[in-house]
Amino acid sequence: VKWICPTAPTRPVNYLGGIQATAWFDATGISENMTDDMVSLNSTAGFVVNLLKDEPSNGLGGIGMGAAAALYFSTSHITGWEQTIRRLRTIVGINGWLPAWR
Protein backbone atom coordinates (compact mmCIF):
# COMPACT_ATOMS: atom_id res chain seq x y z
CA VAL A 1 0.00 0.00 0.00
CA LYS A 2 1.33 3.40 -0.96
CA TRP A 3 0.14 6.39 1.08
CA ILE A 4 0.44 9.90 -0.32
CA CYS A 5 -0.20 12.67 2.19
CA PRO A 6 0.02 16.05 0.45
CA THR A 7 0.05 19.27 2.44
CA ALA A 8 -2.47 21.96 1.57
CA PRO A 9 -1.13 25.28 0.29
CA THR A 10 -0.93 28.31 2.56
CA ARG A 11 -3.74 30.82 1.97
CA PRO A 12 -5.76 33.40 3.91
CA VAL A 13 -8.66 31.68 5.66
CA ASN A 14 -11.74 33.82 6.37
CA TYR A 15 -13.08 31.84 9.32
CA LEU A 16 -9.69 32.28 11.01
CA GLY A 17 -9.89 36.05 10.61
CA GLY A 18 -8.00 36.07 7.31
CA ILE A 19 -4.72 34.75 8.73
CA GLN A 20 -2.47 32.63 6.52
CA ALA A 21 -2.93 28.92 7.22
CA THR A 22 -2.58 25.65 5.37
CA ALA A 23 -6.02 25.03 3.86
CA TRP A 24 -7.32 23.17 0.83
CA PHE A 25 -9.89 25.91 0.26
CA ASP A 26 -11.20 29.07 1.90
CA ALA A 27 -14.30 28.95 4.08
CA THR A 28 -16.32 31.63 5.83
CA GLY A 29 -17.08 29.26 8.69
CA ILE A 30 -18.03 25.71 9.46
CA SER A 31 -21.83 25.59 9.52
CA GLU A 32 -24.81 24.77 7.33
CA ASN A 33 -24.99 28.44 6.31
CA MET A 34 -21.35 28.80 5.29
CA THR A 35 -20.45 30.17 1.87
CA ASP A 36 -18.33 27.85 -0.26
CA ASP A 37 -15.38 29.32 -2.14
CA MET A 38 -15.85 27.54 -5.45
CA VAL A 39 -12.65 28.97 -6.97
CA SER A 40 -10.41 27.38 -4.34
CA LEU A 41 -12.52 24.17 -4.23
CA ASN A 42 -12.14 23.77 -7.99
CA SER A 43 -8.42 24.52 -7.74
CA THR A 44 -8.08 21.73 -5.19
CA ALA A 45 -10.07 19.38 -7.44
CA GLY A 46 -7.60 20.18 -10.22
CA PHE A 47 -4.73 19.33 -7.86
CA VAL A 48 -6.35 15.95 -7.16
CA VAL A 49 -6.78 15.28 -10.89
CA ASN A 50 -3.08 15.94 -11.47
CA LEU A 51 -2.15 13.75 -8.50
CA LEU A 52 -4.28 10.85 -9.74
CA LYS A 53 -2.77 10.99 -13.23
CA ASP A 54 0.45 9.45 -11.91
CA GLU A 55 -0.85 7.35 -9.02
CA PRO A 56 -3.14 4.35 -8.56
CA SER A 57 -6.73 5.41 -8.00
CA ASN A 58 -7.53 2.80 -5.35
CA GLY A 59 -8.84 5.45 -3.01
CA LEU A 60 -8.95 9.03 -1.89
CA GLY A 61 -9.48 10.39 1.59
CA GLY A 62 -8.82 13.09 4.09
CA ILE A 63 -9.35 14.41 7.57
CA GLY A 64 -11.31 17.60 8.30
CA MET A 65 -10.89 20.02 5.41
CA GLY A 66 -9.07 17.25 3.50
CA ALA A 67 -12.15 15.06 3.89
CA ALA A 68 -14.34 17.89 2.60
CA ALA A 69 -12.03 18.30 -0.40
CA ALA A 70 -12.07 14.53 -1.09
CA LEU A 71 -15.87 14.41 -0.87
CA TYR A 72 -16.23 17.45 -3.13
CA PHE A 73 -13.86 15.91 -5.68
CA SER A 74 -15.64 12.56 -5.59
CA THR A 75 -19.08 14.09 -6.16
CA SER A 76 -17.63 16.18 -8.99
CA HIS A 77 -16.15 12.99 -10.44
CA ILE A 78 -19.39 11.01 -10.11
CA THR A 79 -21.51 13.72 -11.75
CA GLY A 80 -19.02 14.00 -14.61
CA TRP A 81 -17.94 17.57 -13.84
CA GLU A 82 -14.36 16.53 -13.05
CA GLN A 83 -12.76 13.86 -15.20
CA THR A 84 -9.94 11.56 -14.10
CA ILE A 85 -8.05 8.97 -16.05
CA ARG A 86 -9.11 6.09 -13.80
CA ARG A 87 -12.19 5.22 -11.79
CA LEU A 88 -12.00 5.85 -8.04
CA ARG A 89 -12.71 2.78 -5.93
CA THR A 90 -12.92 4.18 -2.40
CA ILE A 91 -13.58 7.54 -0.75
CA VAL A 92 -12.89 7.97 2.97
CA GLY A 93 -13.66 11.10 4.95
CA ILE A 94 -13.06 11.58 8.67
CA ASN A 95 -14.56 14.59 10.48
CA GLY A 96 -15.48 16.35 7.24
CA TRP A 97 -18.48 17.71 5.38
CA LEU A 98 -19.72 17.95 1.80
CA PRO A 99 -19.04 21.41 0.36
CA ALA A 100 -21.37 22.84 -2.29
CA TRP A 101 -24.15 20.45 -1.31
CA ARG A 102 -26.83 23.02 -2.01
PDB file of N, CA and C in Angstrom:
ATOM      1  N   VAL A   1       0.842  -1.172   0.000  1.00  0.00           N
ATOM      2  CA  VAL A   1       0.000   0.000   0.000  1.00  0.00           C
ATOM      3  C   VAL A   1       0.887   1.234   0.000  1.00  0.00           C
ATOM      4  N   LYS A   2       0.600   2.136  -0.895  1.00  0.00           N
ATOM      5  CA  LYS A   2       1.326   3.402  -0.961  1.00  0.00           C
ATOM      6  C   LYS A   2       0.413   4.510  -0.459  1.00  0.00           C
ATOM      7  N   TRP A   3       0.887   5.263   0.532  1.00  0.00           N
ATOM      8  CA  TRP A   3       0.140   6.390   1.084  1.00  0.00           C
ATOM      9  C   TRP A   3       0.775   7.680   0.602  1.00  0.00           C
ATOM     10  N   ILE A   4      -0.027   8.578   0.088  1.00  0.00           N
ATOM     11  CA  ILE A   4       0.440   9.901  -0.320  1.00  0.00           C
ATOM     12  C   ILE A   4      -0.318  10.908   0.539  1.00  0.00           C
ATOM     13  N   CYS A   5       0.415  11.712   1.268  1.00  0.00           N
ATOM     14  CA  CYS A   5      -0.202  12.673   2.192  1.00  0.00           C
ATOM     15  C   CYS A   5       0.244  14.085   1.835  1.00  0.00           C
ATOM     16  N   PRO A   6      -0.384  14.693   0.832  1.00  0.00           N
ATOM     17  CA  PRO A   6       0.024  16.052   0.448  1.00  0.00           C
ATOM     18  C   PRO A   6      -0.379  17.081   1.501  1.00  0.00           C
ATOM     19  N   THR A   7       0.360  18.153   1.538  1.00  0.00           N
ATOM     20  CA  THR A   7       0.055  19.267   2.436  1.00  0.00           C
ATOM     21  C   THR A   7      -0.660  20.352   1.650  1.00  0.00           C
ATOM     22  N   ALA A   8      -1.708  20.883   2.220  1.00  0.00           N
ATOM     23  CA  ALA A   8      -2.468  21.955   1.570  1.00  0.00           C
ATOM     24  C   ALA A   8      -1.597  23.198   1.428  1.00  0.00           C
ATOM     25  N   PRO A   9      -1.881  24.025   0.426  1.00  0.00           N
ATOM     26  CA  PRO A   9      -1.135  25.282   0.289  1.00  0.00           C
ATOM     27  C   PRO A   9      -1.500  26.268   1.402  1.00  0.00           C
ATOM     28  N   THR A  10      -0.656  27.256   1.593  1.00  0.00           N
ATOM     29  CA  THR A  10      -0.933  28.313   2.564  1.00  0.00           C
ATOM     30  C   THR A  10      -1.748  29.397   1.877  1.00  0.00           C
ATOM     31  N   ARG A  11      -2.841  29.800   2.527  1.00  0.00           N
ATOM     32  CA  ARG A  11      -3.736  30.818   1.970  1.00  0.00           C
ATOM     33  C   ARG A  11      -4.436  31.536   3.116  1.00  0.00           C
ATOM     34  N   PRO A  12      -4.964  32.739   2.872  1.00  0.00           N
ATOM     35  CA  PRO A  12      -5.759  33.401   3.913  1.00  0.00           C
ATOM     36  C   PRO A  12      -7.075  32.641   4.109  1.00  0.00           C
ATOM     37  N   VAL A  13      -7.440  32.418   5.351  1.00  0.00           N
ATOM     38  CA  VAL A  13      -8.660  31.676   5.661  1.00  0.00           C
ATOM     39  C   VAL A  13      -9.619  32.607   6.407  1.00  0.00           C
ATOM     40  N   ASN A  14     -10.776  32.867   5.809  1.00  0.00           N
ATOM     41  CA  ASN A  14     -11.740  33.822   6.372  1.00  0.00           C
ATOM     42  C   ASN A  14     -12.228  33.452   7.763  1.00  0.00           C
ATOM     43  N   TYR A  15     -12.548  32.176   8.000  1.00  0.00           N
ATOM     44  CA  TYR A  15     -13.081  31.839   9.316  1.00  0.00           C
ATOM     45  C   TYR A  15     -12.020  31.872  10.412  1.00  0.00           C
ATOM     46  N   LEU A  16     -10.767  32.071  10.033  1.00  0.00           N
ATOM     47  CA  LEU A  16      -9.688  32.282  11.006  1.00  0.00           C
ATOM     48  C   LEU A  16      -9.286  33.752  11.060  1.00  0.00           C
ATOM     49  N   GLY A  17     -10.170  34.621  10.586  1.00  0.00           N
ATOM     50  CA  GLY A  17      -9.890  36.051  10.610  1.00  0.00           C
ATOM     51  C   GLY A  17      -8.965  36.505   9.498  1.00  0.00           C
ATOM     52  N   GLY A  18      -8.835  35.697   8.454  1.00  0.00           N
ATOM     53  CA  GLY A  18      -8.004  36.068   7.314  1.00  0.00           C
ATOM     54  C   GLY A  18      -6.526  35.764   7.474  1.00  0.00           C
ATOM     55  N   ILE A  19      -6.147  35.066   8.558  1.00  0.00           N
ATOM     56  CA  ILE A  19      -4.723  34.748   8.726  1.00  0.00           C
ATOM     57  C   ILE A  19      -4.301  33.672   7.735  1.00  0.00           C
ATOM     58  N   GLN A  20      -3.026  33.636   7.420  1.00  0.00           N
ATOM     59  CA  GLN A  20      -2.474  32.625   6.525  1.00  0.00           C
ATOM     60  C   GLN A  20      -2.425  31.286   7.262  1.00  0.00           C
ATOM     61  N   ALA A  21      -2.949  30.262   6.638  1.00  0.00           N
ATOM     62  CA  ALA A  21      -2.934  28.923   7.222  1.00  0.00           C
ATOM     63  C   ALA A  21      -2.919  27.906   6.090  1.00  0.00           C
ATOM     64  N   THR A  22      -2.480  26.689   6.377  1.00  0.00           N
ATOM     65  CA  THR A  22      -2.582  25.645   5.367  1.00  0.00           C
ATOM     66  C   THR A  22      -4.049  25.250   5.270  1.00  0.00           C
ATOM     67  N   ALA A  23      -4.597  25.329   4.074  1.00  0.00           N
ATOM     68  CA  ALA A  23      -6.016  25.026   3.865  1.00  0.00           C
ATOM     69  C   ALA A  23      -6.225  24.625   2.412  1.00  0.00           C
ATOM     70  N   TRP A  24      -7.038  23.600   2.197  1.00  0.00           N
ATOM     71  CA  TRP A  24      -7.323  23.167   0.834  1.00  0.00           C
ATOM     72  C   TRP A  24      -8.235  24.144   0.106  1.00  0.00           C
ATOM     73  N   PHE A  25      -9.028  24.898   0.854  1.00  0.00           N
ATOM     74  CA  PHE A  25      -9.895  25.912   0.260  1.00  0.00           C
ATOM     75  C   PHE A  25     -10.254  26.915   1.341  1.00  0.00           C
ATOM     76  N   ASP A  26     -10.796  28.050   0.933  1.00  0.00           N
ATOM     77  CA  ASP A  26     -11.204  29.069   1.895  1.00  0.00           C
ATOM     78  C   ASP A  26     -12.638  28.785   2.332  1.00  0.00           C
ATOM     79  N   ALA A  27     -12.943  29.126   3.554  1.00  0.00           N
ATOM     80  CA  ALA A  27     -14.296  28.948   4.080  1.00  0.00           C
ATOM     81  C   ALA A  27     -14.622  30.133   4.978  1.00  0.00           C
ATOM     82  N   THR A  28     -15.890  30.528   4.962  1.00  0.00           N
ATOM     83  CA  THR A  28     -16.317  31.631   5.827  1.00  0.00           C
ATOM     84  C   THR A  28     -16.623  31.143   7.232  1.00  0.00           C
ATOM     85  N   GLY A  29     -16.785  29.858   7.392  1.00  0.00           N
ATOM     86  CA  GLY A  29     -17.079  29.260   8.689  1.00  0.00           C
ATOM     87  C   GLY A  29     -17.417  27.803   8.477  1.00  0.00           C
ATOM     88  N   ILE A  30     -17.646  27.106   9.557  1.00  0.00           N
ATOM     89  CA  ILE A  30     -18.030  25.707   9.463  1.00  0.00           C
ATOM     90  C   ILE A  30     -19.451  25.594  10.016  1.00  0.00           C
ATOM     91  N   SER A  31     -20.428  25.692   9.128  1.00  0.00           N
ATOM     92  CA  SER A  31     -21.832  25.586   9.524  1.00  0.00           C
ATOM     93  C   SER A  31     -22.663  25.301   8.279  1.00  0.00           C
ATOM     94  N   GLU A  32     -23.927  25.014   8.471  1.00  0.00           N
ATOM     95  CA  GLU A  32     -24.808  24.767   7.335  1.00  0.00           C
ATOM     96  C   GLU A  32     -24.993  26.006   6.475  1.00  0.00           C
ATOM     97  N   ASN A  33     -24.776  27.185   7.041  1.00  0.00           N
ATOM     98  CA  ASN A  33     -24.986  28.436   6.312  1.00  0.00           C
ATOM     99  C   ASN A  33     -23.709  29.013   5.721  1.00  0.00           C
ATOM    100  N   MET A  34     -22.617  28.269   5.784  1.00  0.00           N
ATOM    101  CA  MET A  34     -21.351  28.798   5.289  1.00  0.00           C
ATOM    102  C   MET A  34     -21.388  28.993   3.779  1.00  0.00           C
ATOM    103  N   THR A  35     -20.589  29.923   3.303  1.00  0.00           N
ATOM    104  CA  THR A  35     -20.454  30.170   1.871  1.00  0.00           C
ATOM    105  C   THR A  35     -19.240  29.405   1.367  1.00  0.00           C
ATOM    106  N   ASP A  36     -19.427  28.637   0.308  1.00  0.00           N
ATOM    107  CA  ASP A  36     -18.331  27.854  -0.255  1.00  0.00           C
ATOM    108  C   ASP A  36     -17.556  28.685  -1.267  1.00  0.00           C
ATOM    109  N   ASP A  37     -16.245  28.638  -1.187  1.00  0.00           N
ATOM    110  CA  ASP A  37     -15.379  29.324  -2.144  1.00  0.00           C
ATOM    111  C   ASP A  37     -15.113  28.370  -3.303  1.00  0.00           C
ATOM    112  N   MET A  38     -15.928  28.479  -4.338  1.00  0.00           N
ATOM    113  CA  MET A  38     -15.852  27.544  -5.454  1.00  0.00           C
ATOM    114  C   MET A  38     -14.537  27.644  -6.215  1.00  0.00           C
ATOM    115  N   VAL A  39     -13.923  28.814  -6.252  1.00  0.00           N
ATOM    116  CA  VAL A  39     -12.649  28.970  -6.966  1.00  0.00           C
ATOM    117  C   VAL A  39     -11.580  28.098  -6.321  1.00  0.00           C
ATOM    118  N   SER A  40     -11.443  28.182  -4.993  1.00  0.00           N
ATOM    119  CA  SER A  40     -10.408  27.377  -4.338  1.00  0.00           C
ATOM    120  C   SER A  40     -10.798  25.899  -4.279  1.00  0.00           C
ATOM    121  N   LEU A  41     -12.091  25.575  -4.177  1.00  0.00           N
ATOM    122  CA  LEU A  41     -12.517  24.172  -4.233  1.00  0.00           C
ATOM    123  C   LEU A  41     -12.170  23.554  -5.587  1.00  0.00           C
ATOM    124  N   ASN A  42     -12.444  24.285  -6.660  1.00  0.00           N
ATOM    125  CA  ASN A  42     -12.136  23.770  -7.994  1.00  0.00           C
ATOM    126  C   ASN A  42     -10.636  23.688  -8.234  1.00  0.00           C
ATOM    127  N   SER A  43      -9.875  24.589  -7.651  1.00  0.00           N
ATOM    128  CA  SER A  43      -8.416  24.523  -7.739  1.00  0.00           C
ATOM    129  C   SER A  43      -7.902  23.260  -7.052  1.00  0.00           C
ATOM    130  N   THR A  44      -8.469  22.951  -5.898  1.00  0.00           N
ATOM    131  CA  THR A  44      -8.085  21.735  -5.186  1.00  0.00           C
ATOM    132  C   THR A  44      -8.482  20.497  -5.980  1.00  0.00           C
ATOM    133  N   ALA A  45      -9.654  20.511  -6.603  1.00  0.00           N
ATOM    134  CA  ALA A  45     -10.075  19.384  -7.441  1.00  0.00           C
ATOM    135  C   ALA A  45      -9.093  19.188  -8.593  1.00  0.00           C
ATOM    136  N   GLY A  46      -8.608  20.276  -9.171  1.00  0.00           N
ATOM    137  CA  GLY A  46      -7.595  20.181 -10.223  1.00  0.00           C
ATOM    138  C   GLY A  46      -6.300  19.581  -9.716  1.00  0.00           C
ATOM    139  N   PHE A  47      -5.913  19.922  -8.483  1.00  0.00           N
ATOM    140  CA  PHE A  47      -4.726  19.333  -7.865  1.00  0.00           C
ATOM    141  C   PHE A  47      -4.893  17.818  -7.741  1.00  0.00           C
ATOM    142  N   VAL A  48      -6.081  17.378  -7.318  1.00  0.00           N
ATOM    143  CA  VAL A  48      -6.346  15.947  -7.165  1.00  0.00           C
ATOM    144  C   VAL A  48      -6.286  15.245  -8.516  1.00  0.00           C
ATOM    145  N   VAL A  49      -6.846  15.859  -9.549  1.00  0.00           N
ATOM    146  CA  VAL A  49      -6.781  15.277 -10.894  1.00  0.00           C
ATOM    147  C   VAL A  49      -5.330  15.064 -11.301  1.00  0.00           C
ATOM    148  N   ASN A  50      -4.492  16.073 -11.110  1.00  0.00           N
ATOM    149  CA  ASN A  50      -3.076  15.944 -11.469  1.00  0.00           C
ATOM    150  C   ASN A  50      -2.380  14.882 -10.636  1.00  0.00           C
ATOM    151  N   LEU A  51      -2.734  14.765  -9.368  1.00  0.00           N
ATOM    152  CA  LEU A  51      -2.146  13.750  -8.505  1.00  0.00           C
ATOM    153  C   LEU A  51      -2.537  12.352  -8.972  1.00  0.00           C
ATOM    154  N   LEU A  52      -3.803  12.168  -9.334  1.00  0.00           N
ATOM    155  CA  LEU A  52      -4.281  10.847  -9.743  1.00  0.00           C
ATOM    156  C   LEU A  52      -3.788  10.429 -11.119  1.00  0.00           C
ATOM    157  N   LYS A  53      -3.293  11.353 -11.914  1.00  0.00           N
ATOM    158  CA  LYS A  53      -2.768  10.991 -13.232  1.00  0.00           C
ATOM    159  C   LYS A  53      -1.577  10.057 -13.120  1.00  0.00           C
ATOM    160  N   ASP A  54      -0.786  10.214 -12.058  1.00  0.00           N
ATOM    161  CA  ASP A  54       0.448   9.449 -11.909  1.00  0.00           C
ATOM    162  C   ASP A  54       0.393   8.411 -10.799  1.00  0.00           C
ATOM    163  N   GLU A  55      -0.740   8.256 -10.157  1.00  0.00           N
ATOM    164  CA  GLU A  55      -0.847   7.347  -9.019  1.00  0.00           C
ATOM    165  C   GLU A  55      -2.030   6.404  -9.200  1.00  0.00           C
ATOM    166  N   PRO A  56      -1.974   5.245  -8.523  1.00  0.00           N
ATOM    167  CA  PRO A  56      -3.138   4.353  -8.558  1.00  0.00           C
ATOM    168  C   PRO A  56      -4.357   5.046  -7.957  1.00  0.00           C
ATOM    169  N   SER A  57      -5.515   4.757  -8.488  1.00  0.00           N
ATOM    170  CA  SER A  57      -6.732   5.410  -7.995  1.00  0.00           C
ATOM    171  C   SER A  57      -7.546   4.470  -7.113  1.00  0.00           C
ATOM    172  N   ASN A  58      -6.845   3.728  -6.253  1.00  0.00           N
ATOM    173  CA  ASN A  58      -7.533   2.802  -5.352  1.00  0.00           C
ATOM    174  C   ASN A  58      -8.419   3.526  -4.361  1.00  0.00           C
ATOM    175  N   GLY A  59      -8.033   4.730  -3.972  1.00  0.00           N
ATOM    176  CA  GLY A  59      -8.843   5.454  -3.012  1.00  0.00           C
ATOM    177  C   GLY A  59      -8.366   6.868  -2.806  1.00  0.00           C
ATOM    178  N   LEU A  60      -9.224   7.633  -2.180  1.00  0.00           N
ATOM    179  CA  LEU A  60      -8.947   9.032  -1.888  1.00  0.00           C
ATOM    180  C   LEU A  60      -9.591   9.331  -0.551  1.00  0.00           C
ATOM    181  N   GLY A  61      -8.909  10.086   0.286  1.00  0.00           N
ATOM    182  CA  GLY A  61      -9.483  10.387   1.586  1.00  0.00           C
ATOM    183  C   GLY A  61      -8.860  11.610   2.207  1.00  0.00           C
ATOM    184  N   GLY A  62      -9.358  11.956   3.371  1.00  0.00           N
ATOM    185  CA  GLY A  62      -8.822  13.093   4.088  1.00  0.00           C
ATOM    186  C   GLY A  62      -9.450  13.223   5.458  1.00  0.00           C
ATOM    187  N   ILE A  63      -8.862  14.116   6.232  1.00  0.00           N
ATOM    188  CA  ILE A  63      -9.351  14.409   7.574  1.00  0.00           C
ATOM    189  C   ILE A  63      -9.708  15.889   7.628  1.00  0.00           C
ATOM    190  N   GLY A  64     -10.883  16.209   8.169  1.00  0.00           N
ATOM    191  CA  GLY A  64     -11.305  17.601   8.298  1.00  0.00           C
ATOM    192  C   GLY A  64     -11.515  18.241   6.939  1.00  0.00           C
ATOM    193  N   MET A  65     -10.777  19.316   6.686  1.00  0.00           N
ATOM    194  CA  MET A  65     -10.893  20.017   5.412  1.00  0.00           C
ATOM    195  C   MET A  65     -10.444  19.114   4.255  1.00  0.00           C
ATOM    196  N   GLY A  66      -9.489  18.227   4.509  1.00  0.00           N
ATOM    197  CA  GLY A  66      -9.070  17.253   3.495  1.00  0.00           C
ATOM    198  C   GLY A  66     -10.192  16.295   3.146  1.00  0.00           C
ATOM    199  N   ALA A  67     -10.992  15.909   4.147  1.00  0.00           N
ATOM    200  CA  ALA A  67     -12.155  15.057   3.893  1.00  0.00           C
ATOM    201  C   ALA A  67     -13.180  15.802   3.051  1.00  0.00           C
ATOM    202  N   ALA A  68     -13.403  17.073   3.380  1.00  0.00           N
ATOM    203  CA  ALA A  68     -14.339  17.887   2.601  1.00  0.00           C
ATOM    204  C   ALA A  68     -13.871  17.997   1.154  1.00  0.00           C
ATOM    205  N   ALA A  69     -12.570  18.203   0.955  1.00  0.00           N
ATOM    206  CA  ALA A  69     -12.025  18.301  -0.403  1.00  0.00           C
ATOM    207  C   ALA A  69     -12.180  16.973  -1.142  1.00  0.00           C
ATOM    208  N   ALA A  70     -11.924  15.849  -0.466  1.00  0.00           N
ATOM    209  CA  ALA A  70     -12.069  14.533  -1.090  1.00  0.00           C
ATOM    210  C   ALA A  70     -13.526  14.264  -1.462  1.00  0.00           C
ATOM    211  N   LEU A  71     -14.453  14.613  -0.577  1.00  0.00           N
ATOM    212  CA  LEU A  71     -15.873  14.409  -0.868  1.00  0.00           C
ATOM    213  C   LEU A  71     -16.345  15.307  -2.009  1.00  0.00           C
ATOM    214  N   TYR A  72     -15.876  16.548  -2.029  1.00  0.00           N
ATOM    215  CA  TYR A  72     -16.230  17.451  -3.125  1.00  0.00           C
ATOM    216  C   TYR A  72     -15.704  16.903  -4.451  1.00  0.00           C
ATOM    217  N   PHE A  73     -14.437  16.466  -4.458  1.00  0.00           N
ATOM    218  CA  PHE A  73     -13.860  15.915  -5.681  1.00  0.00           C
ATOM    219  C   PHE A  73     -14.634  14.683  -6.133  1.00  0.00           C
ATOM    220  N   SER A  74     -14.962  13.793  -5.201  1.00  0.00           N
ATOM    221  CA  SER A  74     -15.644  12.556  -5.586  1.00  0.00           C
ATOM    222  C   SER A  74     -17.031  12.826  -6.157  1.00  0.00           C
ATOM    223  N   THR A  75     -17.771  13.779  -5.586  1.00  0.00           N
ATOM    224  CA  THR A  75     -19.082  14.094  -6.156  1.00  0.00           C
ATOM    225  C   THR A  75     -18.934  14.765  -7.513  1.00  0.00           C
ATOM    226  N   SER A  76     -17.897  15.572  -7.686  1.00  0.00           N
ATOM    227  CA  SER A  76     -17.634  16.183  -8.992  1.00  0.00           C
ATOM    228  C   SER A  76     -17.278  15.111 -10.013  1.00  0.00           C
ATOM    229  N   HIS A  77     -16.547  14.107  -9.572  1.00  0.00           N
ATOM    230  CA  HIS A  77     -16.147  12.995 -10.440  1.00  0.00           C
ATOM    231  C   HIS A  77     -17.369  12.156 -10.830  1.00  0.00           C
ATOM    232  N   ILE A  78     -18.218  11.847  -9.856  1.00  0.00           N
ATOM    233  CA  ILE A  78     -19.395  11.011 -10.109  1.00  0.00           C
ATOM    234  C   ILE A  78     -20.372  11.697 -11.061  1.00  0.00           C
ATOM    235  N   THR A  79     -20.563  12.997 -10.893  1.00  0.00           N
ATOM    236  CA  THR A  79     -21.513  13.716 -11.746  1.00  0.00           C
ATOM    237  C   THR A  79     -20.936  14.062 -13.115  1.00  0.00           C
ATOM    238  N   GLY A  80     -19.645  13.761 -13.321  1.00  0.00           N
ATOM    239  CA  GLY A  80     -19.024  14.005 -14.614  1.00  0.00           C
ATOM    240  C   GLY A  80     -18.425  15.381 -14.776  1.00  0.00           C
ATOM    241  N   TRP A  81     -18.512  16.223 -13.735  1.00  0.00           N
ATOM    242  CA  TRP A  81     -17.942  17.569 -13.842  1.00  0.00           C
ATOM    243  C   TRP A  81     -16.426  17.515 -13.907  1.00  0.00           C
ATOM    244  N   GLU A  82     -15.824  16.660 -13.095  1.00  0.00           N
ATOM    245  CA  GLU A  82     -14.362  16.534 -13.054  1.00  0.00           C
ATOM    246  C   GLU A  82     -13.998  15.163 -13.595  1.00  0.00           C
ATOM    247  N   GLN A  83     -13.139  15.118 -14.584  1.00  0.00           N
ATOM    248  CA  GLN A  83     -12.756  13.856 -15.203  1.00  0.00           C
ATOM    249  C   GLN A  83     -11.378  13.417 -14.723  1.00  0.00           C
ATOM    250  N   THR A  84     -11.247  12.141 -14.424  1.00  0.00           N
ATOM    251  CA  THR A  84      -9.945  11.564 -14.104  1.00  0.00           C
ATOM    252  C   THR A  84      -9.665  10.453 -15.093  1.00  0.00           C
ATOM    253  N   ILE A  85      -8.428  10.020 -15.116  1.00  0.00           N
ATOM    254  CA  ILE A  85      -8.046   8.965 -16.048  1.00  0.00           C
ATOM    255  C   ILE A  85      -8.633   7.625 -15.616  1.00  0.00           C
ATOM    256  N   ARG A  86      -8.642   7.370 -14.315  1.00  0.00           N
ATOM    257  CA  ARG A  86      -9.113   6.092 -13.796  1.00  0.00           C
ATOM    258  C   ARG A  86     -10.322   6.283 -12.878  1.00  0.00           C
ATOM    259  N   ARG A  87     -11.032   5.201 -12.677  1.00  0.00           N
ATOM    260  CA  ARG A  87     -12.194   5.218 -11.786  1.00  0.00           C
ATOM    261  C   ARG A  87     -11.734   5.109 -10.330  1.00  0.00           C
ATOM    262  N   LEU A  88     -12.300   5.931  -9.467  1.00  0.00           N
ATOM    263  CA  LEU A  88     -12.000   5.850  -8.036  1.00  0.00           C
ATOM    264  C   LEU A  88     -12.751   4.675  -7.425  1.00  0.00           C
ATOM    265  N   ARG A  89     -12.081   3.934  -6.556  1.00  0.00           N
ATOM    266  CA  ARG A  89     -12.714   2.776  -5.929  1.00  0.00           C
ATOM    267  C   ARG A  89     -13.251   3.077  -4.536  1.00  0.00           C
ATOM    268  N   THR A  90     -12.555   3.937  -3.792  1.00  0.00           N
ATOM    269  CA  THR A  90     -12.915   4.181  -2.400  1.00  0.00           C
ATOM    270  C   THR A  90     -12.758   5.653  -2.060  1.00  0.00           C
ATOM    271  N   ILE A  91     -13.687   6.188  -1.289  1.00  0.00           N
ATOM    272  CA  ILE A  91     -13.581   7.544  -0.753  1.00  0.00           C
ATOM    273  C   ILE A  91     -13.763   7.436   0.758  1.00  0.00           C
ATOM    274  N   VAL A  92     -12.819   7.998   1.513  1.00  0.00           N
ATOM    275  CA  VAL A  92     -12.892   7.971   2.972  1.00  0.00           C
ATOM    276  C   VAL A  92     -12.791   9.399   3.481  1.00  0.00           C
ATOM    277  N   GLY A  93     -13.702   9.776   4.346  1.00  0.00           N
ATOM    278  CA  GLY A  93     -13.665  11.098   4.954  1.00  0.00           C
ATOM    279  C   GLY A  93     -13.870  10.995   6.458  1.00  0.00           C
ATOM    280  N   ILE A  94     -12.958  11.587   7.217  1.00  0.00           N
ATOM    281  CA  ILE A  94     -13.062  11.581   8.675  1.00  0.00           C
ATOM    282  C   ILE A  94     -13.239  13.018   9.146  1.00  0.00           C
ATOM    283  N   ASN A  95     -14.296  13.270   9.904  1.00  0.00           N
ATOM    284  CA  ASN A  95     -14.557  14.585  10.481  1.00  0.00           C
ATOM    285  C   ASN A  95     -14.633  15.675   9.405  1.00  0.00           C
ATOM    286  N   GLY A  96     -15.352  15.389   8.333  1.00  0.00           N
ATOM    287  CA  GLY A  96     -15.476  16.349   7.239  1.00  0.00           C
ATOM    288  C   GLY A  96     -16.930  16.662   6.930  1.00  0.00           C
ATOM    289  N   TRP A  97     -17.147  17.331   5.830  1.00  0.00           N
ATOM    290  CA  TRP A  97     -18.482  17.706   5.377  1.00  0.00           C
ATOM    291  C   TRP A  97     -18.458  17.769   3.860  1.00  0.00           C
ATOM    292  N   LEU A  98     -19.625  17.882   3.260  1.00  0.00           N
ATOM    293  CA  LEU A  98     -19.724  17.951   1.803  1.00  0.00           C
ATOM    294  C   LEU A  98     -19.928  19.396   1.379  1.00  0.00           C
ATOM    295  N   PRO A  99     -18.882  20.036   0.852  1.00  0.00           N
ATOM    296  CA  PRO A  99     -19.038  21.410   0.364  1.00  0.00           C
ATOM    297  C   PRO A  99     -19.940  21.451  -0.871  1.00  0.00           C
ATOM    298  N   ALA A 100     -20.543  22.593  -1.093  1.00  0.00           N
ATOM    299  CA  ALA A 100     -21.371  22.839  -2.288  1.00  0.00           C
ATOM    300  C   ALA A 100     -22.520  21.840  -2.403  1.00  0.00           C
ATOM    301  N   TRP A 101     -23.063  21.427  -1.282  1.00  0.00           N
ATOM    302  CA  TRP A 101     -24.150  20.451  -1.313  1.00  0.00           C
ATOM    303  C   TRP A 101     -25.479  21.064  -1.710  1.00  0.00           C
ATOM    304  N   ARG A 102     -25.563  22.373  -1.670  1.00  0.00           N
ATOM    305  CA  ARG A 102     -26.834  23.022  -2.015  1.00  0.00           C
ATOM    306  C   ARG A 102     -26.990  23.160  -3.502  1.00  0.00           C
TER     307      ARG A 102
END
